[in-house]
Amino acid sequence: MSLKENVDYVKDELNSEEKFLESFVRVERFYKKYKVIIILALIVIAGIVIGLYATKKIQASNKLDANIAFNQLMENPNNDEAKNTLKEKSQQLYELALYAQSLNKDQISETELKYFKELVAYQKALEAQSIKELNDVSMEKDFLLKEFAIFNKALIQTQEGKYEDAKATLKLIPSTSQVNDLATALKHHLVTK
């Protein structure tokens, strides 16, 4: 290597070290300027992480407690401690337990749970043989037994002698429905009416 190459090499090394020191000084100035904000941001992030972890643990504990209380309540419907625990930990599971207990007693219990509320309305409509109530239930968008409710409405109309209304009601049942076989049988019966 020549002397000129050595000098160029040393200059390049000094420039790179100078750039490194310069960037280090910038970082240090930035840190000193925003030290409080950086520390607060780290504390907030740590707090959020700890809070999320604690929330998940509490939810898991509540879910386990609610499931245990639900099982105890199913075994012994008079267990007041299990009822209170279940009501406190999971209102939906509590209402489901009350609904299940009312079914065991051949009663219809009021509930606010989405699908069970519709099933209670459906059961009451069938018991009352009410076309209007069956119509209201079958118009619910997400009702599980929608087509079956429509079929029961047509069946009640047939029993009341409203054959044309029953035929029109049966047309509301799609051909892809599982109730279609029952609807077809009733349609064949209505052909003679």
Protein backbone atom coordinates (compact mmCIF):
# COMPACT_ATOMS: atom_id res chain seq x y z
CA MET A 1 0.00 0.00 0.00
CA SER A 2 1.18 3.42 -0.78
CA LEU A 3 1.25 6.29 1.61
CA LYS A 4 -1.60 8.02 -0.18
CA GLU A 5 -3.81 4.93 0.14
CA ASN A 6 -2.97 4.70 3.83
CA VAL A 7 -3.90 8.34 4.36
CA ASP A 8 -7.18 7.86 2.48
CA TYR A 9 -7.94 4.77 4.54
CA VAL A 10 -7.29 6.63 7.81
CA LYS A 11 -9.47 9.55 6.63
CA ASP A 12 -12.32 7.16 5.82
CA GLU A 13 -11.98 5.50 9.21
CA LEU A 14 -11.97 8.86 10.97
CA ASN A 15 -15.03 9.98 8.98
CA SER A 16 -16.96 6.82 9.88
CA GLU A 17 -16.01 7.17 13.55
CA GLU A 18 -16.95 10.83 13.43
CA LYS A 19 -20.33 9.95 11.93
CA PHE A 20 -20.88 7.31 14.58
CA LEU A 21 -20.05 9.75 17.39
CA GLU A 22 -22.21 12.39 15.76
CA SER A 23 -25.22 10.04 15.62
CA PHE A 24 -24.56 8.97 19.22
CA VAL A 25 -24.58 12.61 20.31
CA ARG A 26 -27.86 13.18 18.43
CA VAL A 27 -29.47 10.20 20.16
CA GLU A 28 -28.19 11.42 23.51
CA ARG A 29 -29.57 14.93 22.90
CA PHE A 30 -32.91 13.47 21.80
CA TYR A 31 -33.03 11.31 24.92
CA LYS A 32 -32.20 14.22 27.21
CA LYS A 33 -34.76 16.42 25.51
CA TYR A 34 -37.61 13.86 25.64
CA LYS A 35 -36.48 11.81 28.65
CA VAL A 36 -39.68 12.33 30.66
CA ILE A 37 -41.94 11.53 27.72
CA ILE A 38 -39.98 8.37 26.87
CA ILE A 39 -40.11 7.12 30.46
CA LEU A 40 -43.83 7.89 30.74
CA ALA A 41 -44.50 6.10 27.44
CA LEU A 42 -42.65 3.01 28.68
CA ILE A 43 -44.59 3.07 31.97
CA VAL A 44 -47.91 3.42 30.12
CA ILE A 45 -47.05 0.55 27.77
CA ALA A 46 -46.01 -1.64 30.71
CA GLY A 47 -49.25 -0.71 32.53
CA ILE A 48 -51.37 -1.62 29.50
CA VAL A 49 -49.62 -4.97 29.09
CA ILE A 50 -50.05 -5.80 32.77
CA GLY A 51 -53.69 -4.63 32.72
CA LEU A 52 -54.54 -6.78 29.68
CA TYR A 53 -52.87 -9.81 31.25
CA ALA A 54 -54.74 -9.28 34.54
CA THR A 55 -58.05 -8.79 32.72
CA LYS A 56 -57.61 -12.05 30.81
CA LYS A 57 -56.79 -13.91 34.02
CA ILE A 58 -59.86 -12.45 35.79
CA GLN A 59 -62.13 -13.32 32.85
CA ALA A 60 -60.80 -16.88 32.79
CA SER A 61 -61.35 -17.18 36.54
CA ASN A 62 -64.91 -15.81 36.25
CA LYS A 63 -65.67 -18.21 33.40
CA LEU A 64 -64.43 -21.17 35.42
CA ASP A 65 -66.38 -20.08 38.52
CA ALA A 66 -69.53 -19.59 36.42
CA ASN A 67 -69.21 -23.03 34.84
CA ILE A 68 -68.74 -24.69 38.22
CA ALA A 69 -71.76 -22.81 39.62
CA PHE A 70 -73.83 -23.76 36.55
CA ASN A 71 -73.01 -27.45 37.01
CA GLN A 72 -73.88 -27.23 40.73
CA LEU A 73 -77.15 -25.50 39.90
CA MET A 74 -78.06 -28.16 37.35
CA GLU A 75 -77.46 -30.87 39.94
CA ASN A 76 -79.26 -29.03 42.76
CA PRO A 77 -81.73 -26.33 41.64
CA ASN A 78 -82.14 -25.12 45.24
CA ASN A 79 -78.46 -24.22 45.69
CA ASP A 80 -78.72 -20.49 46.47
CA GLU A 81 -74.95 -20.02 46.69
CA ALA A 82 -74.50 -21.38 43.16
CA LYS A 83 -77.38 -19.17 41.93
CA ASN A 84 -75.80 -16.05 43.38
CA THR A 85 -72.35 -16.91 42.05
CA LEU A 86 -73.72 -17.63 38.61
CA LYS A 87 -75.79 -14.44 38.55
CA GLU A 88 -72.72 -12.43 39.54
CA LYS A 89 -70.24 -14.09 37.16
CA SER A 90 -72.36 -14.71 34.04
CA GLN A 91 -75.86 -13.29 33.62
CA GLN A 92 -76.41 -15.18 30.36
CA LEU A 93 -75.49 -18.53 31.88
CA TYR A 94 -77.73 -17.71 34.85
CA GLU A 95 -80.70 -17.09 32.54
CA LEU A 96 -79.90 -20.29 30.65
CA ALA A 97 -79.95 -22.22 33.94
CA LEU A 98 -83.32 -20.72 34.88
CA TYR A 99 -84.68 -21.58 31.43
CA ALA A 100 -83.44 -25.18 31.71
CA GLN A 101 -84.96 -25.52 35.18
CA SER A 102 -88.30 -24.21 33.94
CA LEU A 103 -88.27 -26.80 31.15
CA ASN A 104 -87.75 -29.53 33.75
CA LYS A 105 -90.86 -28.27 35.54
CA ASP A 106 -92.88 -28.09 32.27
CA GLN A 107 -93.16 -24.34 32.60
CA ILE A 108 -92.20 -21.60 30.20
CA SER A 109 -89.79 -19.12 31.73
CA GLU A 110 -89.23 -15.60 30.44
CA THR A 111 -85.67 -14.91 29.34
CA GLU A 112 -83.72 -12.18 27.60
CA LEU A 113 -81.28 -14.53 25.84
CA LYS A 114 -81.52 -14.00 22.10
CA TYR A 115 -82.51 -17.44 20.80
CA PHE A 116 -84.27 -18.61 23.93
CA LYS A 117 -86.44 -15.51 24.03
CA GLU A 118 -87.65 -16.38 20.53
CA LEU A 119 -88.18 -20.03 21.50
CA VAL A 120 -90.29 -18.97 24.50
CA ALA A 121 -92.39 -16.74 22.23
CA TYR A 122 -92.72 -19.65 19.79
CA GLN A 123 -93.83 -22.06 22.54
CA LYS A 124 -96.41 -19.58 23.81
CA ALA A 125 -97.72 -19.00 20.29
CA LEU A 126 -98.12 -22.76 19.74
CA GLU A 127 -99.90 -23.22 23.07
CA ALA A 128 -102.25 -20.33 22.29
CA GLN A 129 -102.72 -21.56 18.68
CA SER A 130 -102.27 -17.90 17.72
CA ILE A 131 -101.63 -17.21 14.05
CA LYS A 132 -100.67 -13.61 14.82
CA GLU A 133 -98.05 -14.61 17.40
CA LEU A 134 -96.65 -17.32 15.09
CA ASN A 135 -96.48 -14.74 12.32
CA ASP A 136 -94.57 -12.35 14.59
CA VAL A 137 -92.10 -15.06 15.61
CA SER A 138 -91.57 -16.27 12.04
CA MET A 139 -90.76 -12.72 10.92
CA GLU A 140 -87.74 -12.55 13.24
CA LYS A 141 -84.64 -12.43 11.08
CA ASP A 142 -82.44 -14.94 12.95
CA PHE A 143 -85.14 -17.20 14.40
CA LEU A 144 -83.87 -20.79 14.41
CA LEU A 145 -87.22 -22.43 13.67
CA LYS A 146 -88.48 -19.85 11.19
CA GLU A 147 -89.73 -22.29 8.55
CA PHE A 148 -91.20 -24.60 11.19
CA ALA A 149 -93.12 -21.65 12.67
CA ILE A 150 -94.44 -20.83 9.18
CA PHE A 151 -95.49 -24.48 8.77
CA ASN A 152 -97.29 -24.44 12.13
CA LYS A 153 -99.05 -21.23 11.11
CA ALA A 154 -100.27 -22.95 7.92
CA LEU A 155 -101.36 -25.98 9.97
CA ILE A 156 -103.43 -23.81 12.31
CA GLN A 157 -104.97 -22.02 9.32
CA THR A 158 -105.89 -25.42 7.86
CA GLN A 159 -107.52 -26.47 11.13
CA GLU A 160 -109.53 -23.24 11.11
CA GLY A 161 -110.67 -23.85 7.53
CA LYS A 162 -108.65 -20.99 6.02
CA TYR A 163 -107.32 -23.12 3.17
CA GLU A 164 -106.33 -20.32 0.80
CA ASP A 165 -104.40 -18.55 3.57
CA ALA A 166 -102.67 -21.84 4.42
CA LYS A 167 -101.65 -22.33 0.77
CA ALA A 168 -100.22 -18.80 0.65
CA THR A 169 -98.37 -19.35 3.92
CA LEU A 170 -96.82 -22.60 2.68
CA LYS A 171 -95.40 -20.75 -0.33
CA LEU A 172 -93.19 -18.82 2.11
CA ILE A 173 -91.23 -21.98 2.93
CA PRO A 174 -88.21 -22.29 0.59
CA SER A 175 -87.70 -25.54 -1.30
CA THR A 176 -84.28 -25.92 0.35
CA SER A 177 -85.77 -25.94 3.84
CA GLN A 178 -85.73 -29.08 5.95
CA VAL A 179 -89.42 -28.44 6.64
CA ASN A 180 -90.18 -28.66 2.92
CA ASP A 181 -91.21 -32.35 3.15
CA LEU A 182 -93.84 -31.50 5.77
CA ALA A 183 -94.96 -28.50 3.74
CA THR A 184 -95.29 -30.64 0.61
CA ALA A 185 -97.45 -33.16 2.48
CA LEU A 186 -99.72 -30.39 3.73
CA LYS A 187 -99.87 -28.86 0.22
CA HIS A 188 -101.06 -32.24 -1.15
CA HIS A 189 -103.75 -32.33 1.52
CA LEU A 190 -104.82 -28.76 0.62
CA VAL A 191 -105.18 -29.61 -3.08
CA THR A 192 -108.53 -31.21 -2.31
CA LYS A 193 -109.72 -28.25 -0.27
